[in-house]
Amino acid sequence: MNDIKGVVDMERLSIQLDMAGCPNRCRHCWLGSHKNGNFNPQALQDVTKEFRAWRDENGQGVKRLGVFSWWREPDFRDDYRQLWELEQELSCEGMARRFELLSIWRLARDESYAPWAAALEPKVCQVTFFGMEKITDWGIHRKGAFADSLLATERLIDAGIAPRWQIFLTKKGLGDLDSLTRLIYKMELHKRCEAIGQKFEVFITNFSPEGGGANLHSERLEKADLRAIPQALIDISRDGLTRIGQTEESLMQELIKDHSPPNIELDEPCIAINADYDCYPNIAEPAPWWRLGNLKTDGINAIVAAFINETTTAMQTNRNKAISELASLYGDASSQKLYIKCDLIIRFLHQHGKEWIKCIGSKM
């Protein structure tokens, strides 16, 4: 988790408008399954104007604003080149960024996309796998996803971009890990990336237990499952087994004594806006109890006030409810399921939010 930084200020702020949505419905996605947006570029400009025009009680506005035309997979729209230019135009200098993400869907369908992306930074792109074809298509929830990821890998290398494979571990996919490891060597990914002056990286990881990932609880690895992970894969994994974590049983011994609040936050403030103009602090899953309001019906002042003052129920819980209390409510002191510590705390928050949503819904 990131350290708490105190009162939210508006020195820097990014806004993300889900203009086109995502071609996938990944089962592990912490953003869940929101409907795809269908905005035109003018909508992005209009939203930006609202945030630029906002002022606090002292007449101060956002000093450095970053604007993004995507919230999930980038470059899903056919006019992705123009949108990137627009993002730079609307953002303060240095605030429009690409990160290590490209559209795998587009990489597999648009031969001009990888060469275009290669002219930008960074020269790395994340590619997701859950196993071999059947399991990866299941995980990404789209037939052909595995084939797309392999073709994307080829096109990235051809363009001088290093693919970085992330492999999400599930019980269902354990039997595929030997084959996936052999595939890495068969494709000579380390050697081929070195030939273009880049470094091939692969890492194995758990999924976040919120959003879509909350529905994969039965697929989360347990301690006994670790022996099924090939040592050859562990050896080449960038982080070894560190992203897999410890048993809930062992973490509970620590968390049940931790009387501080979660204080989960991003390195930089960000507001995500979905297809219905609902706004969320991009801290955790975009669930109702995190919702800041609706930009169209509540207005920019209410959205920013909720963001700055952290008035949503989830934000208040994140800052005020003790981890020990959450652990006592939702933890399982005998569970052998594996978590990194912050993910287990996030699961507690998700479970608490689910109860809150159920309670509020029953009163409506």
Protein backbone atom coordinates (compact mmCIF):
# COMPACT_ATOMS: atom_id res chain seq x y z
CA MET A 1 0.00 0.00 0.00
CA ASN A 2 0.99 3.58 -0.49
CA ASP A 3 1.64 5.73 2.55
CA ILE A 4 -1.04 8.20 3.57
CA LYS A 5 -0.21 11.68 2.32
CA GLY A 6 -2.74 13.72 4.29
CA VAL A 7 -5.44 15.99 2.91
CA VAL A 8 -6.13 15.60 -0.79
CA ASP A 9 -4.92 18.61 -2.74
CA MET A 10 -5.40 19.54 -6.37
CA GLU A 11 -1.80 20.17 -7.34
CA ARG A 12 -2.05 17.30 -9.80
CA LEU A 13 -5.13 15.49 -11.03
CA SER A 14 -5.80 13.03 -13.82
CA ILE A 15 -9.22 12.40 -15.30
CA GLN A 16 -10.09 9.28 -17.29
CA LEU A 17 -13.18 9.19 -19.51
CA ASP A 18 -14.23 5.69 -20.59
CA MET A 19 -14.83 6.82 -24.16
CA ALA A 20 -15.01 3.40 -25.83
CA GLY A 21 -14.81 0.89 -23.02
CA CYS A 22 -12.95 -2.40 -23.48
CA PRO A 23 -13.10 -5.36 -25.89
CA ASN A 24 -12.62 -7.78 -22.98
CA ARG A 25 -14.52 -8.75 -19.86
CA CYS A 26 -11.58 -10.17 -17.93
CA ARG A 27 -12.72 -12.22 -14.98
CA HIS A 28 -9.98 -10.80 -12.75
CA CYS A 29 -10.52 -7.12 -13.64
CA TRP A 30 -10.64 -4.94 -10.53
CA LEU A 31 -12.81 -2.46 -12.47
CA GLY A 32 -15.57 -5.03 -12.83
CA SER A 33 -17.86 -5.13 -15.86
CA HIS A 34 -19.04 -1.65 -16.76
CA LYS A 35 -20.84 -1.04 -20.04
CA ASN A 36 -18.72 0.41 -22.83
CA GLY A 37 -18.82 4.14 -23.41
CA ASN A 38 -19.66 5.69 -26.76
CA PHE A 39 -18.36 9.25 -26.44
CA ASN A 40 -17.12 11.51 -29.20
CA PRO A 41 -13.99 13.68 -28.85
CA GLN A 42 -16.09 16.71 -28.00
CA ALA A 43 -17.27 14.96 -24.83
CA LEU A 44 -13.65 14.64 -23.70
CA GLN A 45 -13.09 18.33 -24.38
CA ASP A 46 -16.26 19.28 -22.51
CA VAL A 47 -15.33 17.23 -19.44
CA THR A 48 -11.84 18.75 -19.49
CA LYS A 49 -13.31 22.26 -19.60
CA GLU A 50 -15.38 21.53 -16.51
CA PHE A 51 -12.36 20.40 -14.52
CA ARG A 52 -10.27 23.31 -15.79
CA ALA A 53 -12.97 25.79 -14.79
CA TRP A 54 -13.39 24.38 -11.29
CA ARG A 55 -12.22 26.62 -8.42
CA ASP A 56 -12.15 26.12 -4.66
CA GLU A 57 -13.30 28.66 -2.10
CA ASN A 58 -10.00 30.48 -2.46
CA GLY A 59 -10.24 30.68 -6.22
CA GLN A 60 -7.60 27.99 -6.77
CA GLY A 61 -8.03 25.37 -9.49
CA VAL A 62 -6.21 22.23 -10.59
CA LYS A 63 -2.61 23.25 -11.24
CA ARG A 64 -1.58 20.27 -13.38
CA LEU A 65 -4.28 18.32 -15.19
CA GLY A 66 -3.82 15.06 -17.07
CA VAL A 67 -6.49 13.87 -19.50
CA PHE A 68 -7.06 10.29 -20.68
CA SER A 69 -9.55 9.05 -23.26
CA TRP A 70 -9.62 5.56 -21.74
CA TRP A 71 -10.22 3.91 -18.40
CA ARG A 72 -9.70 0.26 -19.29
CA GLU A 73 -7.91 -0.93 -22.45
CA PRO A 74 -6.39 2.03 -24.33
CA ASP A 75 -6.64 2.70 -28.07
CA PHE A 76 -9.82 0.66 -28.54
CA ARG A 77 -11.26 3.37 -30.80
CA ASP A 78 -10.28 3.57 -34.46
CA ASP A 79 -9.26 7.22 -34.03
CA TYR A 80 -6.69 6.37 -31.37
CA ARG A 81 -3.99 8.46 -33.04
CA GLN A 82 -6.14 11.58 -32.98
CA LEU A 83 -7.20 10.89 -29.40
CA TRP A 84 -3.57 10.67 -28.28
CA GLU A 85 -2.93 14.05 -29.89
CA LEU A 86 -6.04 15.41 -28.17
CA GLU A 87 -4.94 14.05 -24.78
CA GLN A 88 -1.63 15.89 -25.14
CA GLU A 89 -3.40 19.07 -26.22
CA LEU A 90 -5.81 18.98 -23.27
CA SER A 91 -3.23 17.95 -20.65
CA CYS A 92 -0.58 20.00 -18.93
CA GLU A 93 2.92 19.27 -20.17
CA GLY A 94 4.07 15.80 -19.16
CA MET A 95 0.69 14.75 -17.77
CA ALA A 96 -0.50 12.82 -20.86
CA ARG A 97 1.22 9.45 -20.62
CA ARG A 98 1.13 6.02 -22.23
CA PHE A 99 2.31 3.71 -19.40
CA GLU A 100 3.21 0.09 -20.26
CA LEU A 101 -0.21 -0.61 -21.75
CA LEU A 102 -1.41 -1.03 -25.31
CA SER A 103 -4.54 -2.59 -26.77
CA ILE A 104 -3.85 -6.29 -27.30
CA TRP A 105 -7.09 -6.46 -29.29
CA ARG A 106 -5.85 -3.78 -31.69
CA LEU A 107 -2.31 -5.16 -31.88
CA ALA A 108 -3.80 -8.35 -33.31
CA ARG A 109 -5.99 -6.52 -35.85
CA ASP A 110 -4.18 -3.38 -36.93
CA GLU A 111 -0.74 -3.96 -38.47
CA SER A 112 0.07 -0.23 -38.31
CA TYR A 113 -0.59 0.01 -34.58
CA ALA A 114 2.63 -1.47 -33.18
CA PRO A 115 4.91 0.68 -35.41
CA TRP A 116 2.93 3.76 -34.32
CA ALA A 117 3.25 2.82 -30.64
CA ALA A 118 6.98 2.13 -31.07
CA ALA A 119 7.56 5.82 -31.72
CA LEU A 120 6.22 6.60 -28.23
CA GLU A 121 7.37 5.73 -24.72
CA PRO A 122 7.72 3.35 -23.01
CA LYS A 123 9.10 0.53 -25.16
CA VAL A 124 7.33 -2.13 -23.07
CA CYS A 125 3.83 -3.59 -23.30
CA GLN A 126 2.04 -5.85 -20.84
CA VAL A 127 0.45 -9.02 -22.24
CA THR A 128 -1.88 -11.13 -20.09
CA PHE A 129 -2.15 -14.92 -19.82
CA PHE A 130 -3.99 -17.29 -17.49
CA GLY A 131 -2.53 -20.43 -19.06
CA MET A 132 -2.74 -21.84 -22.55
CA GLU A 133 -5.54 -21.19 -25.05
CA LYS A 134 -8.62 -22.55 -23.28
CA ILE A 135 -7.73 -21.08 -19.88
CA THR A 136 -6.59 -17.69 -21.21
CA ASP A 137 -9.75 -17.35 -23.31
CA TRP A 138 -11.72 -18.23 -20.16
CA GLY A 139 -9.84 -15.67 -18.04
CA ILE A 140 -10.05 -12.81 -20.52
CA HIS A 141 -13.62 -13.93 -21.23
CA ARG A 142 -13.25 -13.69 -24.97
CA LYS A 143 -12.72 -16.44 -27.54
CA GLY A 144 -9.50 -15.82 -29.43
CA ALA A 145 -7.84 -13.85 -26.63
CA PHE A 146 -4.92 -16.29 -26.34
CA ALA A 147 -4.27 -16.18 -30.08
CA ASP A 148 -4.45 -12.38 -29.95
CA SER A 149 -1.88 -12.29 -27.15
CA LEU A 150 0.55 -14.45 -29.12
CA LEU A 151 0.13 -12.40 -32.30
CA ALA A 152 0.47 -9.19 -30.27
CA THR A 153 3.73 -10.52 -28.80
CA GLU A 154 5.11 -11.10 -32.29
CA ARG A 155 4.09 -7.68 -33.56
CA LEU A 156 5.50 -5.95 -30.50
CA ILE A 157 8.93 -7.54 -30.98
CA ASP A 158 8.87 -6.78 -34.71
CA ALA A 159 8.23 -3.12 -33.84
CA GLY A 160 11.01 -2.98 -31.23
CA ILE A 161 8.75 -3.12 -28.18
CA ALA A 162 9.40 -5.66 -25.42
CA PRO A 163 6.38 -7.76 -24.42
CA ARG A 164 6.03 -8.27 -20.69
CA TRP A 165 4.01 -11.35 -19.92
CA GLN A 166 1.90 -11.34 -16.78
CA ILE A 167 0.48 -14.71 -15.83
CA PHE A 168 -2.47 -14.69 -13.44
CA LEU A 169 -2.52 -17.83 -11.33
CA THR A 170 -5.74 -19.74 -10.76
CA LYS A 171 -6.45 -23.30 -9.69
CA LYS A 172 -7.94 -23.88 -13.12
CA GLY A 173 -4.73 -22.79 -14.85
CA LEU A 174 -2.13 -24.65 -12.78
CA GLY A 175 -1.98 -27.56 -15.20
CA ASP A 176 -1.03 -25.22 -18.05
CA LEU A 177 2.03 -23.64 -16.45
CA ASP A 178 4.50 -26.23 -17.74
CA SER A 179 3.26 -25.75 -21.29
CA LEU A 180 3.30 -21.98 -20.94
CA THR A 181 6.88 -22.07 -19.67
CA ARG A 182 7.92 -24.24 -22.61
CA LEU A 183 6.17 -21.80 -24.95
CA ILE A 184 8.28 -18.92 -23.62
CA TYR A 185 11.44 -20.86 -24.49
CA LYS A 186 10.06 -22.12 -27.81
CA MET A 187 9.33 -18.52 -28.86
CA GLU A 188 12.85 -17.52 -27.70
CA LEU A 189 11.43 -14.41 -26.10
CA HIS A 190 14.48 -13.60 -23.98
CA LYS A 191 16.84 -13.90 -26.94
CA ARG A 192 14.60 -12.00 -29.36
CA CYS A 193 14.05 -9.11 -26.98
CA GLU A 194 17.77 -8.89 -26.34
CA ALA A 195 18.27 -8.66 -30.11
CA ILE A 196 16.16 -5.49 -30.24
CA GLY A 197 17.94 -3.96 -27.25
CA GLN A 198 15.12 -4.73 -24.84
CA LYS A 199 14.56 -7.11 -21.95
CA PHE A 200 11.84 -9.76 -21.86
CA GLU A 201 10.16 -10.04 -18.49
CA VAL A 202 7.56 -12.47 -17.20
CA PHE A 203 5.93 -12.50 -13.80
CA ILE A 204 3.38 -14.66 -12.03
CA THR A 205 0.82 -12.93 -9.89
CA ASN A 206 -2.40 -13.21 -7.95
CA PHE A 207 -5.51 -11.29 -8.97
CA SER A 208 -6.98 -8.50 -6.85
CA PRO A 209 -9.98 -9.74 -4.78
CA GLU A 210 -12.29 -6.87 -5.77
CA GLY A 211 -14.34 -5.98 -8.82
CA GLY A 212 -14.47 -9.02 -11.08
CA GLY A 213 -11.75 -10.69 -9.04
CA ALA A 214 -14.10 -10.96 -6.07
CA ASN A 215 -16.00 -13.63 -8.00
CA LEU A 216 -12.87 -15.77 -8.40
CA HIS A 217 -12.46 -16.63 -4.71
CA SER A 218 -12.72 -20.37 -5.39
CA GLU A 219 -9.89 -20.06 -7.95
CA ARG A 220 -7.42 -18.39 -5.57
CA LEU A 221 -4.37 -20.56 -4.91
CA GLU A 222 -3.79 -22.17 -1.54
CA LYS A 223 -0.47 -23.00 0.06
CA ALA A 224 -0.63 -26.62 -1.15
CA ASP A 225 -0.96 -25.40 -4.75
CA LEU A 226 2.49 -23.82 -4.76
CA ARG A 227 4.11 -27.17 -5.47
CA ALA A 228 2.30 -27.23 -8.82
CA ILE A 229 4.08 -24.10 -10.06
CA PRO A 230 7.05 -25.22 -12.18
CA GLN A 231 10.40 -24.23 -10.75
CA ALA A 232 11.49 -23.30 -14.27
CA LEU A 233 8.75 -20.65 -14.35
CA ILE A 234 9.61 -19.37 -10.88
CA ASP A 235 13.26 -19.07 -11.91
CA ILE A 236 12.49 -16.76 -14.84
CA SER A 237 9.71 -14.84 -13.10
CA ARG A 238 10.76 -11.28 -12.40
CA ASP A 239 9.46 -11.33 -8.82
CA GLY A 240 9.60 -15.03 -8.09
CA LEU A 241 6.71 -15.93 -5.80
CA THR A 242 6.58 -12.60 -3.97
CA ARG A 243 3.40 -11.48 -5.76
CA ILE A 244 1.60 -14.62 -4.62
CA GLY A 245 1.80 -13.77 -0.94
CA GLN A 246 1.19 -15.66 2.28
CA THR A 247 -1.69 -17.64 3.68
CA GLU A 248 -4.63 -15.71 5.09
CA GLU A 249 -4.06 -17.67 8.28
CA SER A 250 -0.58 -16.20 8.74
CA LEU A 251 -1.57 -12.67 7.72
CA MET A 252 -4.49 -12.70 10.13
CA GLN A 253 -2.08 -12.99 13.06
CA GLU A 254 -0.73 -9.56 12.09
CA LEU A 255 -3.87 -7.86 10.83
CA ILE A 256 -6.02 -8.73 13.82
CA LYS A 257 -3.61 -6.61 15.91
CA ASP A 258 -3.36 -3.69 13.49
CA HIS A 259 -5.56 -0.87 14.77
CA SER A 260 -4.64 1.58 12.00
CA PRO A 261 -7.01 2.19 9.07
CA PRO A 262 -6.22 0.85 5.57
CA ASN A 263 -5.29 4.28 4.10
CA ILE A 264 -5.14 2.84 0.57
CA GLU A 265 -4.52 5.49 -2.08
CA LEU A 266 -2.86 6.13 -5.41
CA ASP A 267 0.49 7.79 -5.94
CA GLU A 268 -1.35 10.51 -7.88
CA PRO A 269 -5.00 11.59 -7.55
CA CYS A 270 -7.27 10.42 -10.35
CA ILE A 271 -11.00 10.54 -11.09
CA ALA A 272 -12.46 7.90 -13.42
CA ILE A 273 -15.66 8.63 -15.34
CA ASN A 274 -17.76 5.81 -16.76
CA ALA A 275 -20.19 5.63 -19.69
CA ASP A 276 -22.98 7.18 -17.59
CA TYR A 277 -20.78 10.01 -16.24
CA ASP A 278 -20.61 8.38 -12.80
CA CYS A 279 -17.32 9.40 -11.16
CA TYR A 280 -15.06 7.31 -8.94
CA PRO A 281 -11.77 7.90 -7.14
CA ASN A 282 -9.44 5.52 -8.93
CA ILE A 283 -8.34 4.00 -5.62
CA ALA A 284 -10.26 0.75 -5.58
CA GLU A 285 -13.08 -0.98 -7.41
CA PRO A 286 -15.66 1.43 -8.89
CA ALA A 287 -18.47 0.16 -6.67
CA PRO A 288 -21.47 2.24 -5.47
CA TRP A 289 -20.00 3.02 -2.07
CA TRP A 290 -16.93 4.61 -3.71
CA ARG A 291 -19.04 6.67 -6.15
CA LEU A 292 -18.38 10.43 -5.95
CA GLY A 293 -21.54 11.33 -7.84
CA ASN A 294 -22.63 11.96 -11.40
CA LEU A 295 -20.96 14.71 -13.38
CA LYS A 296 -24.16 15.55 -15.26
CA THR A 297 -26.72 15.44 -12.44
CA ASP A 298 -24.59 16.43 -9.44
CA GLY A 299 -22.16 18.80 -11.14
CA ILE A 300 -18.42 19.36 -10.99
CA ASN A 301 -18.44 21.13 -7.62
CA ALA A 302 -20.11 18.22 -5.83
CA ILE A 303 -17.81 15.69 -7.51
CA VAL A 304 -14.61 17.50 -6.57
CA ALA A 305 -15.85 18.29 -3.05
CA ALA A 306 -16.55 14.60 -2.44
CA PHE A 307 -13.12 13.74 -3.83
CA ILE A 308 -11.15 16.32 -1.86
CA ASN A 309 -13.04 15.84 1.40
CA GLU A 310 -13.25 12.05 0.99
CA THR A 311 -16.92 12.00 1.91
CA THR A 312 -18.01 8.74 0.26
CA THR A 313 -18.69 5.89 2.67
CA ALA A 314 -15.83 3.85 1.22
CA MET A 315 -13.33 6.71 1.49
CA GLN A 316 -14.38 7.34 5.10
CA THR A 317 -14.04 3.65 5.90
CA ASN A 318 -10.62 3.57 4.26
CA ARG A 319 -9.43 6.40 6.52
CA ASN A 320 -11.19 5.57 9.76
CA LYS A 321 -12.12 1.92 10.30
CA ALA A 322 -9.39 -0.15 11.92
CA ILE A 323 -7.90 -3.02 9.94
CA SER A 324 -8.28 -5.17 13.06
CA GLU A 325 -12.03 -4.55 13.04
CA LEU A 326 -12.30 -5.44 9.36
CA ALA A 327 -10.19 -8.54 9.93
CA SER A 328 -12.38 -9.69 12.82
CA LEU A 329 -15.48 -9.28 10.64
CA TYR A 330 -14.26 -10.85 7.41
CA GLY A 331 -11.01 -12.70 8.02
CA ASP A 332 -10.63 -16.47 8.15
CA ALA A 333 -7.92 -17.42 10.62
CA SER A 334 -7.69 -20.96 9.24
CA SER A 335 -7.66 -20.13 5.51
CA GLN A 336 -4.75 -21.38 3.43
CA LYS A 337 -5.60 -19.11 0.50
CA LEU A 338 -2.72 -16.88 -0.56
CA TYR A 339 -2.69 -13.06 -0.49
CA ILE A 340 -0.24 -10.24 -0.34
CA LYS A 341 -1.18 -8.17 2.69
CA CYS A 342 -2.69 -5.17 0.92
CA ASP A 343 -4.86 -7.44 -1.23
CA LEU A 344 -6.31 -9.16 1.80
CA ILE A 345 -7.16 -5.77 3.29
CA ILE A 346 -8.75 -4.82 -0.04
CA ARG A 347 -10.86 -7.98 0.18
CA PHE A 348 -12.04 -6.93 3.62
CA LEU A 349 -13.01 -3.52 2.23
CA HIS A 350 -14.84 -5.16 -0.68
CA GLN A 351 -16.77 -7.40 1.70
CA HIS A 352 -17.65 -4.46 3.94
CA GLY A 353 -18.78 -2.46 0.92
CA LYS A 354 -20.89 -5.35 -0.33
CA GLU A 355 -22.72 -5.43 3.01
CA TRP A 356 -23.18 -1.65 2.93
CA ILE A 357 -24.58 -1.77 -0.62
CA LYS A 358 -26.97 -4.57 0.38
CA CYS A 359 -28.12 -2.61 3.42
CA ILE A 360 -28.64 0.64 1.49
CA GLY A 361 -30.40 -1.19 -1.31
CA SER A 362 -32.85 -2.78 1.09
CA LYS A 363 -33.85 0.70 2.32
CA MET A 364 -34.45 2.11 -1.15
